[in-house]
């Protein structure tokens, strides 16, 4: 069995055994998007892994993450964030810069 196949097989076995959530592969490998790149890591069940999973930034296969990264929806979303056109104003770059200046005591 090829190493990547064994990795996938082990992850699937863990998912089936855990039954907590079939998508989660505790101690298994998963992929996530970070700074417009697909990264690979192990699921330790910690807060960061849980946060990525809850946000939907948790993929069993790198191809799935790449599809999202290259999707029109993903690109449109981050374009809106950069342009400050999201409903959540805290995503707006200018607002974040102003907030950072306030935290540093600059008016």
Protein backbone atom coordinates (compact mmCIF):
# COMPACT_ATOMS: atom_id res chain seq x y z
CA UNK A 1 0.00 0.00 0.00
CA UNK A 2 1.32 3.45 -0.96
CA UNK A 3 2.11 5.81 1.98
CA UNK A 4 -0.59 8.32 0.97
CA UNK A 5 -3.15 5.51 0.67
CA UNK A 6 -2.22 4.23 4.12
CA UNK A 7 -2.56 7.74 5.54
CA UNK A 8 -6.03 8.05 4.05
CA UNK A 9 -7.01 4.57 5.18
CA UNK A 10 -5.86 5.28 8.76
CA UNK A 11 -7.77 8.57 8.75
CA UNK A 12 -10.95 6.90 7.56
CA UNK A 13 -10.65 4.18 10.20
CA UNK A 14 -10.23 6.81 12.91
CA UNK A 15 -13.27 8.69 11.62
CA UNK A 16 -15.39 5.57 11.65
CA UNK A 17 -14.20 4.50 15.09
CA UNK A 18 -14.63 7.92 16.71
CA UNK A 19 -18.24 8.27 15.48
CA UNK A 20 -18.14 11.72 17.05
CA UNK A 21 -18.19 13.24 13.61
CA UNK A 22 -17.46 11.29 10.46
CA UNK A 23 -15.68 14.28 8.88
CA UNK A 24 -13.23 14.67 11.75
CA UNK A 25 -10.13 12.53 11.73
CA UNK A 26 -8.61 12.97 15.16
CA UNK A 27 -4.90 12.33 14.89
CA UNK A 28 -5.39 12.20 11.13
CA UNK A 29 -4.24 14.54 8.40
CA UNK A 30 -6.42 17.33 7.02
CA UNK A 31 -5.96 20.29 4.70
CA UNK A 32 -6.91 23.94 5.24
CA UNK A 33 -6.53 27.27 3.45
CA UNK A 34 -4.00 29.71 4.89
CA UNK A 35 -2.97 32.95 3.13
CA UNK A 36 -4.27 31.70 -0.23
CA UNK A 37 -2.32 28.45 0.06
CA UNK A 38 -3.43 24.93 0.88
CA UNK A 39 -1.67 23.69 4.00
CA UNK A 40 -1.50 20.20 5.48
CA UNK A 41 -1.60 19.44 9.19
CA UNK A 42 -2.64 16.87 11.75
CA UNK A 43 -5.89 17.10 13.71
CA UNK A 44 -5.09 17.14 17.42
CA UNK A 45 -8.62 18.11 18.43
CA UNK A 46 -7.34 21.42 19.83
CA UNK A 47 -9.03 24.84 19.63
CA UNK A 48 -7.38 25.76 16.33
CA UNK A 49 -8.44 22.49 14.67
CA UNK A 50 -11.97 22.92 16.06
CA UNK A 51 -12.14 26.51 14.80
CA UNK A 52 -11.03 25.53 11.29
CA UNK A 53 -13.57 22.71 11.27
CA UNK A 54 -16.40 24.94 12.52
CA UNK A 55 -15.58 27.60 9.90
CA UNK A 56 -15.56 25.01 7.11
CA UNK A 57 -11.82 25.39 6.53
CA UNK A 58 -11.19 21.67 7.01
CA UNK A 59 -10.81 19.34 4.04
CA UNK A 60 -10.06 15.63 3.86
CA UNK A 61 -8.40 16.01 0.47
CA UNK A 62 -6.12 18.75 -0.86
CA UNK A 63 -8.10 18.78 -4.13
CA UNK A 64 -11.21 19.92 -2.23
CA UNK A 65 -9.31 22.79 -0.62
CA UNK A 66 -7.82 23.79 -3.99
CA UNK A 67 -11.30 23.83 -5.55
CA UNK A 68 -12.52 26.24 -2.87
CA UNK A 69 -9.40 28.38 -3.18
CA UNK A 70 -9.91 28.70 -6.94
CA UNK A 71 -13.69 29.22 -6.75
CA UNK A 72 -15.36 32.45 -7.81
CA UNK A 73 -17.20 32.64 -4.45
CA UNK A 74 -13.94 32.53 -2.49
CA UNK A 75 -12.30 35.18 -4.66
CA UNK A 76 -15.40 37.40 -4.56
CA UNK A 77 -15.61 37.15 -0.76
CA UNK A 78 -12.00 38.22 -0.22
CA UNK A 79 -12.37 40.97 -2.80
CA UNK A 80 -15.30 42.34 -0.76
CA UNK A 81 -13.25 42.07 2.43
CA UNK A 82 -10.38 44.03 0.87
CA UNK A 83 -12.81 46.66 -0.44
CA UNK A 84 -14.64 46.96 2.89
CA UNK A 85 -17.94 45.82 1.40
CA UNK A 86 -18.76 43.16 3.98
CA UNK A 87 -21.52 43.52 6.55
CA UNK A 88 -18.99 43.00 9.32
CA UNK A 89 -17.07 46.27 9.37
CA UNK A 90 -14.27 44.74 11.45
CA UNK A 91 -13.08 43.01 8.24
CA UNK A 92 -12.49 46.37 6.60
CA UNK A 93 -8.75 47.01 6.25
CA UNK A 94 -9.01 50.72 6.98
CA UNK A 95 -11.08 50.11 10.11
CA UNK A 96 -8.56 47.52 11.32
CA UNK A 97 -5.72 49.98 10.79
CA UNK A 98 -7.61 52.70 12.72
CA UNK A 99 -8.32 50.24 15.52
CA UNK A 100 -4.65 49.25 15.67
CA UNK A 101 -3.67 52.92 15.98
CA UNK A 102 -6.17 53.39 18.82
CA UNK A 103 -4.79 50.34 20.65
CA UNK A 104 -1.31 51.79 20.30
CA UNK A 105 -2.51 55.12 21.74
CA UNK A 106 -2.25 57.09 18.47
CA UNK A 107 -5.24 59.35 17.70
